[in-house]
């Protein structure tokens, strides 16, 4: 099979690799499509944070079970599946509490183990969800993992129907958080610098929008009569965080989803006096977040405004990773077909 193997920072090679074999408790998946995210781009272009080279990248994949290892009864051969990619021990304190994303020995397919930017990938059956009955196309199912991250962030926040929420940044995760937040029944205002992304946010369920750099966020919220319960800062930018802190009223919950560049000055005293709840969020909990992610993907018939084109493995660095690094991606989410020789339109029709 062909695989995109990261050997070092800046050294990504599409090369021939033997098809892996599933061990006990594992399944072999023939990859239909694999998404690429900012973490992949960071490992490729900026520095090794998670990856343990040489390793095949790719943790956002969907496909069909080709073979199963010893002891596996589900999912069966032939099942359409998505993988959680995050491997937890199931025995440490966080795992026993259901917080498998915080497992003390957590590792990830695509960084610590060979991933889905290849013809085939091995995944533990325990984190492989059978979605054969979902009616969703493989290209749509390739969006499950980022949607699950959004579901987890919203679940962590406690956002509920009748509440108000703000999302700052409609990029690869902010778009999915918009869907997940709106699905709770909350009123959602989205902030972004890009008019097209604000229009997208409206289609994804946002009730209101604000172009960053125009009116102050606090002023816009006052005009709308919004007393915000939850702020999701997804841009990872200094101005984005500043606008949230200026607009947040006492008792608000702030979820810094985007990783801030550098170390911002934090007014901890004011946070204490205002009783802010500051919530971190990372990855997802497979058992709860993945099924909900698939359900949410089924609420729209076409995700082409998120991922409209699927590119071949040979164009991974030039058309996916490098544009992510340079902030010039043409799509919210880039999907890779490891079997394709040319780019193709994404297929998001439902069965």
C-alpha atoms as a PDB file:
ATOM      1  CA  UNK A   1       0.000   0.000   0.000  1.00  0.00           C
ATOM      2  CA  UNK A   2       0.980   3.654  -0.267  1.00  0.00           C
ATOM      3  CA  UNK A   3       1.372   5.682   2.926  1.00  0.00           C
ATOM      4  CA  UNK A   4       2.320   9.243   3.892  1.00  0.00           C
ATOM      5  CA  UNK A   5       5.158   8.679   6.351  1.00  0.00           C
ATOM      6  CA  UNK A   6       6.608  11.499   8.448  1.00  0.00           C
ATOM      7  CA  UNK A   7      10.333  10.908   8.968  1.00  0.00           C
ATOM      8  CA  UNK A   8      11.196  14.275  10.507  1.00  0.00           C
ATOM      9  CA  UNK A   9      10.059  17.907  10.486  1.00  0.00           C
ATOM     10  CA  UNK A  10       9.635  18.840   6.829  1.00  0.00           C
ATOM     11  CA  UNK A  11      10.409  15.292   5.707  1.00  0.00           C
ATOM     12  CA  UNK A  12       7.172  13.648   4.587  1.00  0.00           C
ATOM     13  CA  UNK A  13       7.403  10.823   2.060  1.00  0.00           C
ATOM     14  CA  UNK A  14       4.650   9.018   0.209  1.00  0.00           C
ATOM     15  CA  UNK A  15       6.115   5.538   0.033  1.00  0.00           C
ATOM     16  CA  UNK A  16       5.255   1.880  -0.316  1.00  0.00           C
ATOM     17  CA  UNK A  17       4.567   0.068   2.928  1.00  0.00           C
ATOM     18  CA  UNK A  18       3.357  -3.476   3.624  1.00  0.00           C
ATOM     19  CA  UNK A  19      -0.309  -3.791   4.518  1.00  0.00           C
ATOM     20  CA  UNK A  20      -0.456  -4.162   8.331  1.00  0.00           C
ATOM     21  CA  UNK A  21      -2.105  -7.140   9.991  1.00  0.00           C
ATOM     22  CA  UNK A  22      -4.602  -6.761  12.848  1.00  0.00           C
ATOM     23  CA  UNK A  23      -3.543  -8.210  16.175  1.00  0.00           C
ATOM     24  CA  UNK A  24      -5.832  -9.447  18.953  1.00  0.00           C
ATOM     25  CA  UNK A  25      -8.651  -6.979  19.551  1.00  0.00           C
ATOM     26  CA  UNK A  26      -7.870  -5.025  16.390  1.00  0.00           C
ATOM     27  CA  UNK A  27      -9.431  -4.501  12.968  1.00  0.00           C
ATOM     28  CA  UNK A  28      -7.846  -3.751   9.609  1.00  0.00           C
ATOM     29  CA  UNK A  29      -9.580  -0.881   7.826  1.00  0.00           C
ATOM     30  CA  UNK A  30      -9.376  -0.146   4.127  1.00  0.00           C
ATOM     31  CA  UNK A  31      -9.274   3.651   4.249  1.00  0.00           C
ATOM     32  CA  UNK A  32     -11.836   5.448   2.107  1.00  0.00           C
ATOM     33  CA  UNK A  33     -10.921   8.976   3.178  1.00  0.00           C
ATOM     34  CA  UNK A  34      -8.803  10.692   5.819  1.00  0.00           C
ATOM     35  CA  UNK A  35      -9.032  14.265   7.045  1.00  0.00           C
ATOM     36  CA  UNK A  36      -6.086  16.539   7.751  1.00  0.00           C
ATOM     37  CA  UNK A  37      -5.981  19.037  10.606  1.00  0.00           C
ATOM     38  CA  UNK A  38      -3.727  21.680  12.120  1.00  0.00           C
ATOM     39  CA  UNK A  39      -2.013  19.123  14.349  1.00  0.00           C
ATOM     40  CA  UNK A  40      -0.833  17.197  11.288  1.00  0.00           C
ATOM     41  CA  UNK A  41       0.460  20.418   9.764  1.00  0.00           C
ATOM     42  CA  UNK A  42       2.251  21.393  12.960  1.00  0.00           C
ATOM     43  CA  UNK A  43       4.066  18.063  13.207  1.00  0.00           C
ATOM     44  CA  UNK A  44       5.033  18.309   9.546  1.00  0.00           C
ATOM     45  CA  UNK A  45       6.128  21.923   9.402  1.00  0.00           C
ATOM     46  CA  UNK A  46       6.901  23.350  12.836  1.00  0.00           C
ATOM     47  CA  UNK A  47       8.136  20.669  15.220  1.00  0.00           C
ATOM     48  CA  UNK A  48       7.520  17.238  16.642  1.00  0.00           C
ATOM     49  CA  UNK A  49       5.089  17.582  19.537  1.00  0.00           C
ATOM     50  CA  UNK A  50       3.149  14.318  19.399  1.00  0.00           C
ATOM     51  CA  UNK A  51       4.520  12.378  16.447  1.00  0.00           C
ATOM     52  CA  UNK A  52       7.066   9.587  16.911  1.00  0.00           C
ATOM     53  CA  UNK A  53       8.717   9.207  13.481  1.00  0.00           C
ATOM     54  CA  UNK A  54       8.851   7.361  11.309  1.00  0.00           C
ATOM     55  CA  UNK A  55       5.060   7.253  11.489  1.00  0.00           C
ATOM     56  CA  UNK A  56       2.202   7.363   9.016  1.00  0.00           C
ATOM     57  CA  UNK A  57       0.104  10.452   9.740  1.00  0.00           C
ATOM     58  CA  UNK A  58      -3.704  10.585   9.790  1.00  0.00           C
ATOM     59  CA  UNK A  59      -6.177  10.337  12.677  1.00  0.00           C
ATOM     60  CA  UNK A  60      -9.460  11.400  11.005  1.00  0.00           C
ATOM     61  CA  UNK A  61     -10.297   8.390   8.868  1.00  0.00           C
ATOM     62  CA  UNK A  62     -13.286   6.379   7.691  1.00  0.00           C
ATOM     63  CA  UNK A  63     -13.367   3.155   5.719  1.00  0.00           C
ATOM     64  CA  UNK A  64     -14.438  -0.466   5.570  1.00  0.00           C
ATOM     65  CA  UNK A  65     -13.303  -3.343   7.776  1.00  0.00           C
ATOM     66  CA  UNK A  66     -11.110  -5.647   5.693  1.00  0.00           C
ATOM     67  CA  UNK A  67     -10.084  -8.165   8.368  1.00  0.00           C
ATOM     68  CA  UNK A  68     -10.377  -8.668  12.124  1.00  0.00           C
ATOM     69  CA  UNK A  69      -7.932  -9.924  14.724  1.00  0.00           C
ATOM     70  CA  UNK A  70      -8.360 -12.622  17.308  1.00  0.00           C
ATOM     71  CA  UNK A  71     -11.271 -12.127  19.681  1.00  0.00           C
ATOM     72  CA  UNK A  72     -13.054  -9.475  17.600  1.00  0.00           C
ATOM     73  CA  UNK A  73     -16.767 -10.033  17.036  1.00  0.00           C
ATOM     74  CA  UNK A  74     -17.687  -6.457  16.164  1.00  0.00           C
ATOM     75  CA  UNK A  75     -17.430  -4.567  13.967  1.00  0.00           C
ATOM     76  CA  UNK A  76     -17.566  -7.343  11.350  1.00  0.00           C
ATOM     77  CA  UNK A  77     -15.701  -7.631   8.067  1.00  0.00           C
ATOM     78  CA  UNK A  78     -17.452  -5.433   5.510  1.00  0.00           C
ATOM     79  CA  UNK A  79     -18.733  -2.887   8.024  1.00  0.00           C
ATOM     80  CA  UNK A  80     -18.368   0.821   7.265  1.00  0.00           C
ATOM     81  CA  UNK A  81     -16.552   2.340  10.229  1.00  0.00           C
ATOM     82  CA  UNK A  82     -14.969   5.411  11.766  1.00  0.00           C
ATOM     83  CA  UNK A  83     -12.165   5.233  14.315  1.00  0.00           C
ATOM     84  CA  UNK A  84     -11.706   7.359  17.421  1.00  0.00           C
ATOM     85  CA  UNK A  85      -7.915   7.101  16.908  1.00  0.00           C
ATOM     86  CA  UNK A  86      -7.236   7.866  20.590  1.00  0.00           C
ATOM     87  CA  UNK A  87      -6.111   4.761  22.493  1.00  0.00           C
ATOM     88  CA  UNK A  88      -6.690   4.619  26.254  1.00  0.00           C
ATOM     89  CA  UNK A  89      -5.866   1.932  28.812  1.00  0.00           C
ATOM     90  CA  UNK A  90      -9.340   1.620  30.359  1.00  0.00           C
ATOM     91  CA  UNK A  91      -7.854   1.090  33.816  1.00  0.00           C
ATOM     92  CA  UNK A  92      -6.365   4.355  35.128  1.00  0.00           C
ATOM     93  CA  UNK A  93      -8.394   6.827  37.207  1.00  0.00           C
ATOM     94  CA  UNK A  94      -9.583   9.064  34.314  1.00  0.00           C
ATOM     95  CA  UNK A  95     -10.558   5.998  32.256  1.00  0.00           C
ATOM     96  CA  UNK A  96     -12.569   4.594  35.163  1.00  0.00           C
ATOM     97  CA  UNK A  97     -14.324   7.954  35.376  1.00  0.00           C
ATOM     98  CA  UNK A  98     -15.214   7.820  31.673  1.00  0.00           C
ATOM     99  CA  UNK A  99     -12.664  10.500  30.739  1.00  0.00           C
ATOM    100  CA  UNK A 100     -10.707   8.306  28.375  1.00  0.00           C
ATOM    101  CA  UNK A 101      -9.256  11.338  26.573  1.00  0.00           C
ATOM    102  CA  UNK A 102      -7.230  12.018  29.741  1.00  0.00           C
ATOM    103  CA  UNK A 103      -5.854   8.482  30.026  1.00  0.00           C
ATOM    104  CA  UNK A 104      -2.469   8.497  31.731  1.00  0.00           C
ATOM    105  CA  UNK A 105      -1.001   6.450  28.868  1.00  0.00           C
ATOM    106  CA  UNK A 106      -3.059   8.007  26.034  1.00  0.00           C
ATOM    107  CA  UNK A 107      -1.677   7.536  22.535  1.00  0.00           C
ATOM    108  CA  UNK A 108      -3.024   8.348  19.106  1.00  0.00           C
ATOM    109  CA  UNK A 109      -3.210   6.571  15.776  1.00  0.00           C
ATOM    110  CA  UNK A 110      -1.523   8.912  13.314  1.00  0.00           C
ATOM    111  CA  UNK A 111       1.045  10.248  15.775  1.00  0.00           C
ATOM    112  CA  UNK A 112       2.200   7.412  18.012  1.00  0.00           C
ATOM    113  CA  UNK A 113       0.944   4.579  15.795  1.00  0.00           C
ATOM    114  CA  UNK A 114       0.690   4.400  11.999  1.00  0.00           C
ATOM    115  CA  UNK A 115      -2.379   6.287  10.840  1.00  0.00           C
ATOM    116  CA  UNK A 116      -4.975   6.626   8.128  1.00  0.00           C
ATOM    117  CA  UNK A 117      -3.113   8.586   5.454  1.00  0.00           C
ATOM    118  CA  UNK A 118      -2.520   5.226   3.812  1.00  0.00           C
ATOM    119  CA  UNK A 119      -4.388   2.521   1.972  1.00  0.00           C
ATOM    120  CA  UNK A 120      -4.963   0.518   5.156  1.00  0.00           C
ATOM    121  CA  UNK A 121      -4.763   1.185   8.891  1.00  0.00           C
ATOM    122  CA  UNK A 122      -5.124  -0.918  12.033  1.00  0.00           C
ATOM    123  CA  UNK A 123      -7.427   0.300  14.811  1.00  0.00           C
ATOM    124  CA  UNK A 124      -8.488  -1.246  18.131  1.00  0.00           C
ATOM    125  CA  UNK A 125     -12.021  -2.611  17.754  1.00  0.00           C
ATOM    126  CA  UNK A 126     -12.975  -0.866  21.011  1.00  0.00           C
ATOM    127  CA  UNK A 127     -12.586   2.570  19.385  1.00  0.00           C
ATOM    128  CA  UNK A 128     -13.984   1.614  15.979  1.00  0.00           C
ATOM    129  CA  UNK A 129     -17.635   2.549  15.474  1.00  0.00           C
ATOM    130  CA  UNK A 130     -19.840   0.636  13.025  1.00  0.00           C
ATOM    131  CA  UNK A 131     -21.718   3.290  11.045  1.00  0.00           C
ATOM    132  CA  UNK A 132     -23.017   1.026   8.299  1.00  0.00           C
ATOM    133  CA  UNK A 133     -26.614   2.043   9.060  1.00  0.00           C
ATOM    134  CA  UNK A 134     -25.914   5.785   9.184  1.00  0.00           C
ATOM    135  CA  UNK A 135     -26.679   6.321   5.503  1.00  0.00           C
ATOM    136  CA  UNK A 136     -23.759   8.737   5.304  1.00  0.00           C
ATOM    137  CA  UNK A 137     -21.180   8.702   2.525  1.00  0.00           C
ATOM    138  CA  UNK A 138     -17.518   7.938   3.317  1.00  0.00           C
ATOM    139  CA  UNK A 139     -16.573  11.566   2.587  1.00  0.00           C
ATOM    140  CA  UNK A 140     -19.104  12.814   5.128  1.00  0.00           C
ATOM    141  CA  UNK A 141     -17.963  10.205   7.650  1.00  0.00           C
ATOM    142  CA  UNK A 142     -14.433  11.559   7.243  1.00  0.00           C
ATOM    143  CA  UNK A 143     -15.677  14.585   9.223  1.00  0.00           C
ATOM    144  CA  UNK A 144     -16.635  12.529  12.285  1.00  0.00           C
ATOM    145  CA  UNK A 145     -13.488  13.059  14.326  1.00  0.00           C
ATOM    146  CA  UNK A 146     -13.429  16.896  14.173  1.00  0.00           C
ATOM    147  CA  UNK A 147     -17.174  16.934  14.827  1.00  0.00           C
ATOM    148  CA  UNK A 148     -16.564  14.745  17.898  1.00  0.00           C
ATOM    149  CA  UNK A 149     -14.013  17.264  19.191  1.00  0.00           C
ATOM    150  CA  UNK A 150     -16.679  19.964  18.854  1.00  0.00           C
ATOM    151  CA  UNK A 151     -19.281  17.786  20.567  1.00  0.00           C
ATOM    152  CA  UNK A 152     -16.864  17.236  23.450  1.00  0.00           C
ATOM    153  CA  UNK A 153     -16.152  20.958  23.847  1.00  0.00           C
ATOM    154  CA  UNK A 154     -19.854  21.798  23.915  1.00  0.00           C
ATOM    155  CA  UNK A 155     -20.611  18.940  26.290  1.00  0.00           C
ATOM    156  CA  UNK A 156     -17.836  20.133  28.616  1.00  0.00           C
ATOM    157  CA  UNK A 157     -19.273  23.663  28.616  1.00  0.00           C
ATOM    158  CA  UNK A 158     -22.717  22.588  29.834  1.00  0.00           C
ATOM    159  CA  UNK A 159     -24.406  24.728  27.170  1.00  0.00           C
ATOM    160  CA  UNK A 160     -28.145  24.088  27.111  1.00  0.00           C
ATOM    161  CA  UNK A 161     -31.331  25.120  25.356  1.00  0.00           C
ATOM    162  CA  UNK A 162     -32.372  28.682  26.050  1.00  0.00           C
ATOM    163  CA  UNK A 163     -28.848  29.860  26.826  1.00  0.00           C
ATOM    164  CA  UNK A 164     -26.610  32.227  24.843  1.00  0.00           C
ATOM    165  CA  UNK A 165     -23.214  31.314  23.391  1.00  0.00           C
ATOM    166  CA  UNK A 166     -20.438  33.077  21.491  1.00  0.00           C
ATOM    167  CA  UNK A 167     -17.959  31.319  19.198  1.00  0.00           C
ATOM    168  CA  UNK A 168     -14.874  33.279  18.177  1.00  0.00           C
ATOM    169  CA  UNK A 169     -13.319  31.803  15.019  1.00  0.00           C
ATOM    170  CA  UNK A 170     -15.023  29.685  12.337  1.00  0.00           C
ATOM    171  CA  UNK A 171     -12.126  27.511  11.220  1.00  0.00           C
ATOM    172  CA  UNK A 172     -11.777  23.749  11.166  1.00  0.00           C
ATOM    173  CA  UNK A 173     -13.105  23.280  14.708  1.00  0.00           C
ATOM    174  CA  UNK A 174     -15.121  26.481  15.130  1.00  0.00           C
ATOM    175  CA  UNK A 175     -17.424  25.492  12.275  1.00  0.00           C
ATOM    176  CA  UNK A 176     -18.217  22.164  13.924  1.00  0.00           C
ATOM    177  CA  UNK A 177     -18.655  23.824  17.351  1.00  0.00           C
ATOM    178  CA  UNK A 178     -21.229  26.089  15.698  1.00  0.00           C
ATOM    179  CA  UNK A 179     -23.204  23.012  14.636  1.00  0.00           C
ATOM    180  CA  UNK A 180     -22.909  21.326  18.022  1.00  0.00           C
ATOM    181  CA  UNK A 181     -23.745  24.485  19.984  1.00  0.00           C
ATOM    182  CA  UNK A 182     -26.779  25.333  17.850  1.00  0.00           C
ATOM    183  CA  UNK A 183     -27.994  21.740  18.219  1.00  0.00           C
ATOM    184  CA  UNK A 184     -28.394  22.244  21.965  1.00  0.00           C
ATOM    185  CA  UNK A 185     -31.080  24.846  21.320  1.00  0.00           C
ATOM    186  CA  UNK A 186     -28.887  27.724  22.467  1.00  0.00           C
ATOM    187  CA  UNK A 187     -28.763  31.085  20.684  1.00  0.00           C
ATOM    188  CA  UNK A 188     -25.348  31.356  19.049  1.00  0.00           C
ATOM    189  CA  UNK A 189     -23.370  34.405  17.908  1.00  0.00           C
ATOM    190  CA  UNK A 190     -20.279  33.739  15.791  1.00  0.00           C
ATOM    191  CA  UNK A 191     -17.319  36.101  15.325  1.00  0.00           C
ATOM    192  CA  UNK A 192     -14.831  35.902  12.465  1.00  0.00           C
ATOM    193  CA  UNK A 193     -12.729  38.136  10.216  1.00  0.00           C
ATOM    194  CA  UNK A 194     -14.010  36.513   7.011  1.00  0.00           C
ATOM    195  CA  UNK A 195     -17.420  37.359   5.516  1.00  0.00           C
ATOM    196  CA  UNK A 196     -17.689  34.005   3.749  1.00  0.00           C
ATOM    197  CA  UNK A 197     -17.115  32.155   7.012  1.00  0.00           C
ATOM    198  CA  UNK A 198     -19.750  34.256   8.738  1.00  0.00           C
ATOM    199  CA  UNK A 199     -22.202  33.277   6.002  1.00  0.00           C
ATOM    200  CA  UNK A 200     -21.182  29.657   6.538  1.00  0.00           C
ATOM    201  CA  UNK A 201     -21.788  30.006  10.276  1.00  0.00           C
ATOM    202  CA  UNK A 202     -25.338  31.173   9.567  1.00  0.00           C
ATOM    203  CA  UNK A 203     -25.955  28.100   7.426  1.00  0.00           C
ATOM    204  CA  UNK A 204     -24.550  25.950  10.222  1.00  0.00           C
ATOM    205  CA  UNK A 205     -27.032  27.293  12.743  1.00  0.00           C
ATOM    206  CA  UNK A 206     -25.670  30.569  14.128  1.00  0.00           C
ATOM    207  CA  UNK A 207     -28.417  33.041  15.031  1.00  0.00           C
ATOM    208  CA  UNK A 208     -26.174  36.113  14.836  1.00  0.00           C
ATOM    209  CA  UNK A 209     -22.757  37.050  13.472  1.00  0.00           C
ATOM    210  CA  UNK A 210     -20.164  39.760  13.997  1.00  0.00           C
ATOM    211  CA  UNK A 211     -17.249  40.645  11.771  1.00  0.00           C
ATOM    212  CA  UNK A 212     -14.154  40.886  13.926  1.00  0.00           C
ATOM    213  CA  UNK A 213     -12.547  44.332  13.891  1.00  0.00           C
ATOM    214  CA  UNK A 214     -15.831  46.223  13.469  1.00  0.00           C
ATOM    215  CA  UNK A 215     -18.032  46.756  16.520  1.00  0.00           C
ATOM    216  CA  UNK A 216     -16.687  45.563  19.886  1.00  0.00           C
ATOM    217  CA  UNK A 217     -18.105  42.187  20.886  1.00  0.00           C
ATOM    218  CA  UNK A 218     -19.466  43.559  24.173  1.00  0.00           C
ATOM    219  CA  UNK A 219     -21.321  46.312  22.308  1.00  0.00           C
ATOM    220  CA  UNK A 220     -22.852  43.867  19.824  1.00  0.00           C
ATOM    221  CA  UNK A 221     -24.034  41.612  22.636  1.00  0.00           C
ATOM    222  CA  UNK A 222     -25.683  44.564  24.393  1.00  0.00           C
ATOM    223  CA  UNK A 223     -27.471  45.526  21.167  1.00  0.00           C
ATOM    224  CA  UNK A 224     -28.819  42.001  20.823  1.00  0.00           C
ATOM    225  CA  UNK A 225     -29.743  41.651  24.472  1.00  0.00           C
ATOM    226  CA  UNK A 226     -27.512  38.604  24.837  1.00  0.00           C
ATOM    227  CA  UNK A 227     -26.256  37.757  28.332  1.00  0.00           C
ATOM    228  CA  UNK A 228     -23.778  35.082  27.286  1.00  0.00           C
ATOM    229  CA  UNK A 229     -23.514  31.879  29.293  1.00  0.00           C
ATOM    230  CA  UNK A 230     -20.634  30.297  27.350  1.00  0.00           C
ATOM    231  CA  UNK A 231     -17.807  31.752  25.263  1.00  0.00           C
ATOM    232  CA  UNK A 232     -15.814  29.447  22.978  1.00  0.00           C
ATOM    233  CA  UNK A 233     -12.521  31.113  21.994  1.00  0.00           C
ATOM    234  CA  UNK A 234     -11.427  29.029  19.004  1.00  0.00           C
ATOM    235  CA  UNK A 235      -9.193  31.425  17.081  1.00  0.00           C
ATOM    236  CA  UNK A 236      -6.238  31.085  19.439  1.00  0.00           C
ATOM    237  CA  UNK A 237      -5.535  34.787  18.816  1.00  0.00           C
ATOM    238  CA  UNK A 238      -4.737  37.502  21.328  1.00  0.00           C
ATOM    239  CA  UNK A 239      -7.468  39.836  20.047  1.00  0.00           C
ATOM    240  CA  UNK A 240      -9.989  37.007  20.150  1.00  0.00           C
ATOM    241  CA  UNK A 241      -9.256  36.202  23.780  1.00  0.00           C
ATOM    242  CA  UNK A 242      -9.227  39.905  24.693  1.00  0.00           C
ATOM    243  CA  UNK A 243     -12.670  40.423  23.171  1.00  0.00           C
ATOM    244  CA  UNK A 244     -14.042  37.501  25.164  1.00  0.00           C
ATOM    245  CA  UNK A 245     -12.605  38.774  28.446  1.00  0.00           C
ATOM    246  CA  UNK A 246     -14.000  42.246  27.778  1.00  0.00           C
ATOM    247  CA  UNK A 247     -17.467  40.885  27.013  1.00  0.00           C
ATOM    248  CA  UNK A 248     -17.801  38.158  29.646  1.00  0.00           C
ATOM    249  CA  UNK A 249     -20.107  39.043  32.506  1.00  0.00           C
ATOM    250  CA  UNK A 250     -19.915  37.594  36.025  1.00  0.00           C
ATOM    251  CA  UNK A 251     -20.721  33.899  36.109  1.00  0.00           C
ATOM    252  CA  UNK A 252     -19.824  33.222  32.460  1.00  0.00           C
ATOM    253  CA  UNK A 253     -18.093  30.055  31.311  1.00  0.00           C
ATOM    254  CA  UNK A 254     -15.070  30.524  29.037  1.00  0.00           C
ATOM    255  CA  UNK A 255     -13.787  27.609  26.958  1.00  0.00           C
ATOM    256  CA  UNK A 256     -10.374  28.389  25.386  1.00  0.00           C
ATOM    257  CA  UNK A 257     -10.466  25.830  22.570  1.00  0.00           C
ATOM    258  CA  UNK A 258      -7.779  27.477  20.458  1.00  0.00           C
ATOM    259  CA  UNK A 259      -4.254  27.260  21.825  1.00  0.00           C
ATOM    260  CA  UNK A 260      -2.951  30.765  22.467  1.00  0.00           C
ATOM    261  CA  UNK A 261       0.326  31.688  20.805  1.00  0.00           C
ATOM    262  CA  UNK A 262       2.748  32.723  23.517  1.00  0.00           C
ATOM    263  CA  UNK A 263       1.691  33.339  27.099  1.00  0.00           C
ATOM    264  CA  UNK A 264      -1.108  35.922  27.312  1.00  0.00           C
ATOM    265  CA  UNK A 265      -1.394  38.147  30.368  1.00  0.00           C
ATOM    266  CA  UNK A 266      -4.337  36.838  32.386  1.00  0.00           C
ATOM    267  CA  UNK A 267      -6.251  39.011  34.865  1.00  0.00           C
ATOM    268  CA  UNK A 268      -6.742  36.232  37.408  1.00  0.00           C
ATOM    269  CA  UNK A 269      -7.988  38.584  40.088  1.00  0.00           C
ATOM    270  CA  UNK A 270     -10.909  39.722  37.948  1.00  0.00           C
ATOM    271  CA  UNK A 271     -11.642  36.126  36.995  1.00  0.00           C
ATOM    272  CA  UNK A 272     -11.935  35.259  40.668  1.00  0.00           C
ATOM    273  CA  UNK A 273     -14.176  38.205  41.534  1.00  0.00           C
ATOM    274  CA  UNK A 274     -16.427  37.511  38.523  1.00  0.00           C
ATOM    275  CA  UNK A 275     -16.643  33.795  39.310  1.00  0.00           C
ATOM    276  CA  UNK A 276     -15.734  32.808  35.769  1.00  0.00           C
ATOM    277  CA  UNK A 277     -15.576  29.125  34.985  1.00  0.00           C
ATOM    278  CA  UNK A 278     -12.561  28.440  32.757  1.00  0.00           C
ATOM    279  CA  UNK A 279     -12.791  25.049  31.078  1.00  0.00           C
ATOM    280  CA  UNK A 280     -10.095  23.261  29.122  1.00  0.00           C
ATOM    281  CA  UNK A 281     -11.073  20.786  26.442  1.00  0.00           C
ATOM    282  CA  UNK A 282      -9.021  18.253  24.527  1.00  0.00           C
ATOM    283  CA  UNK A 283      -9.811  15.519  22.002  1.00  0.00           C
ATOM    284  CA  UNK A 284     -13.031  13.573  22.644  1.00  0.00           C
ATOM    285  CA  UNK A 285     -14.529  10.713  24.635  1.00  0.00           C
ATOM    286  CA  UNK A 286     -15.164   8.024  22.049  1.00  0.00           C
ATOM    287  CA  UNK A 287     -18.078   6.306  23.794  1.00  0.00           C
ATOM    288  CA  UNK A 288     -20.225   9.429  24.058  1.00  0.00           C
ATOM    289  CA  UNK A 289     -18.909  11.956  21.552  1.00  0.00           C
ATOM    290  CA  UNK A 290     -18.505   9.790  18.446  1.00  0.00           C
ATOM    291  CA  UNK A 291     -22.118   8.557  18.185  1.00  0.00           C
ATOM    292  CA  UNK A 292     -23.380  12.118  18.666  1.00  0.00           C
ATOM    293  CA  UNK A 293     -20.946  13.387  16.020  1.00  0.00           C
ATOM    294  CA  UNK A 294     -22.315  10.903  13.491  1.00  0.00           C
ATOM    295  CA  UNK A 295     -25.863  11.918  14.396  1.00  0.00           C
ATOM    296  CA  UNK A 296     -25.069  15.599  13.833  1.00  0.00           C
ATOM    297  CA  UNK A 297     -23.445  14.850  10.486  1.00  0.00           C
ATOM    298  CA  UNK A 298     -26.747  13.309   9.473  1.00  0.00           C
ATOM    299  CA  UNK A 299     -28.623  16.556  10.113  1.00  0.00           C
ATOM    300  CA  UNK A 300     -27.329  18.141   6.887  1.00  0.00           C
ATOM    301  CA  UNK A 301     -27.595  16.656   3.417  1.00  0.00           C
ATOM    302  CA  UNK A 302     -24.504  18.366   2.013  1.00  0.00           C
ATOM    303  CA  UNK A 303     -21.217  19.283   3.701  1.00  0.00           C
ATOM    304  CA  UNK A 304     -19.538  20.603   0.561  1.00  0.00           C
ATOM    305  CA  UNK A 305     -19.220  24.056   2.137  1.00  0.00           C
ATOM    306  CA  UNK A 306     -16.972  22.420   4.753  1.00  0.00           C
ATOM    307  CA  UNK A 307     -15.143  19.898   2.559  1.00  0.00           C
ATOM    308  CA  UNK A 308     -15.884  20.254  -1.146  1.00  0.00           C
ATOM    309  CA  UNK A 309     -12.848  18.610  -2.710  1.00  0.00           C
ATOM    310  CA  UNK A 310     -10.915  15.428  -1.962  1.00  0.00           C
ATOM    311  CA  UNK A 311      -7.262  15.347  -2.963  1.00  0.00           C
ATOM    312  CA  UNK A 312      -4.858  12.467  -3.654  1.00  0.00           C
ATOM    313  CA  UNK A 313      -2.136  11.368  -1.261  1.00  0.00           C
ATOM    314  CA  UNK A 314       0.584  12.676  -3.578  1.00  0.00           C
ATOM    315  CA  UNK A 315      -0.694  16.237  -3.053  1.00  0.00           C
ATOM    316  CA  UNK A 316      -0.870  16.009   0.750  1.00  0.00           C
ATOM    317  CA  UNK A 317       2.036  18.324   1.566  1.00  0.00           C
ATOM    318  CA  UNK A 318       1.483  20.863  -1.228  1.00  0.00           C
ATOM    319  CA  UNK A 319      -2.316  21.118  -1.152  1.00  0.00           C
ATOM    320  CA  UNK A 320      -3.161  20.330   2.472  1.00  0.00           C
ATOM    321  CA  UNK A 321      -0.377  20.623   5.045  1.00  0.00           C
ATOM    322  CA  UNK A 322       1.472  23.641   3.660  1.00  0.00           C
ATOM    323  CA  UNK A 323      -1.699  25.728   3.148  1.00  0.00           C
ATOM    324  CA  UNK A 324      -2.710  24.951   6.744  1.00  0.00           C
ATOM    325  CA  UNK A 325       0.657  26.155   7.984  1.00  0.00           C
ATOM    326  CA  UNK A 326       0.396  29.340   5.955  1.00  0.00           C
ATOM    327  CA  UNK A 327      -3.243  30.070   6.792  1.00  0.00           C
ATOM    328  CA  UNK A 328      -4.410  29.856   3.191  1.00  0.00           C
ATOM    329  CA  UNK A 329      -6.479  26.663   3.078  1.00  0.00           C
ATOM    330  CA  UNK A 330      -9.190  26.847   0.446  1.00  0.00           C
ATOM    331  CA  UNK A 331     -11.492  24.585   2.484  1.00  0.00           C
ATOM    332  CA  UNK A 332     -12.540  24.422   6.118  1.00  0.00           C
ATOM    333  CA  UNK A 333     -11.572  20.738   6.122  1.00  0.00           C
ATOM    334  CA  UNK A 334      -9.272  18.983   3.669  1.00  0.00           C
ATOM    335  CA  UNK A 335      -9.944  15.312   2.911  1.00  0.00           C
ATOM    336  CA  UNK A 336      -7.485  12.857   1.355  1.00  0.00           C
ATOM    337  CA  UNK A 337      -8.371   9.785  -0.715  1.00  0.00           C
ATOM    338  CA  UNK A 338      -5.374   7.428  -0.468  1.00  0.00           C
ATOM    339  CA  UNK A 339      -6.508   5.521  -3.560  1.00  0.00           C
ATOM    340  CA  UNK A 340      -7.097   8.529  -5.826  1.00  0.00           C
ATOM    341  CA  UNK A 341      -4.676   9.682  -8.516  1.00  0.00           C
ATOM    342  CA  UNK A 342      -6.419  13.024  -9.087  1.00  0.00           C
ATOM    343  CA  UNK A 343      -8.500  15.440  -7.063  1.00  0.00           C
ATOM    344  CA  UNK A 344     -12.245  14.815  -7.094  1.00  0.00           C
ATOM    345  CA  UNK A 345     -15.389  16.524  -5.789  1.00  0.00           C
ATOM    346  CA  UNK A 346     -16.421  15.324  -2.357  1.00  0.00           C
ATOM    347  CA  UNK A 347     -19.567  13.190  -2.265  1.00  0.00           C
ATOM    348  CA  UNK A 348     -21.868  14.065   0.614  1.00  0.00           C
ATOM    349  CA  UNK A 349     -25.184  12.558  -0.544  1.00  0.00           C
ATOM    350  CA  UNK A 350     -26.977  10.341   1.942  1.00  0.00           C
ATOM    351  CA  UNK A 351     -28.312   6.875   1.206  1.00  0.00           C
END
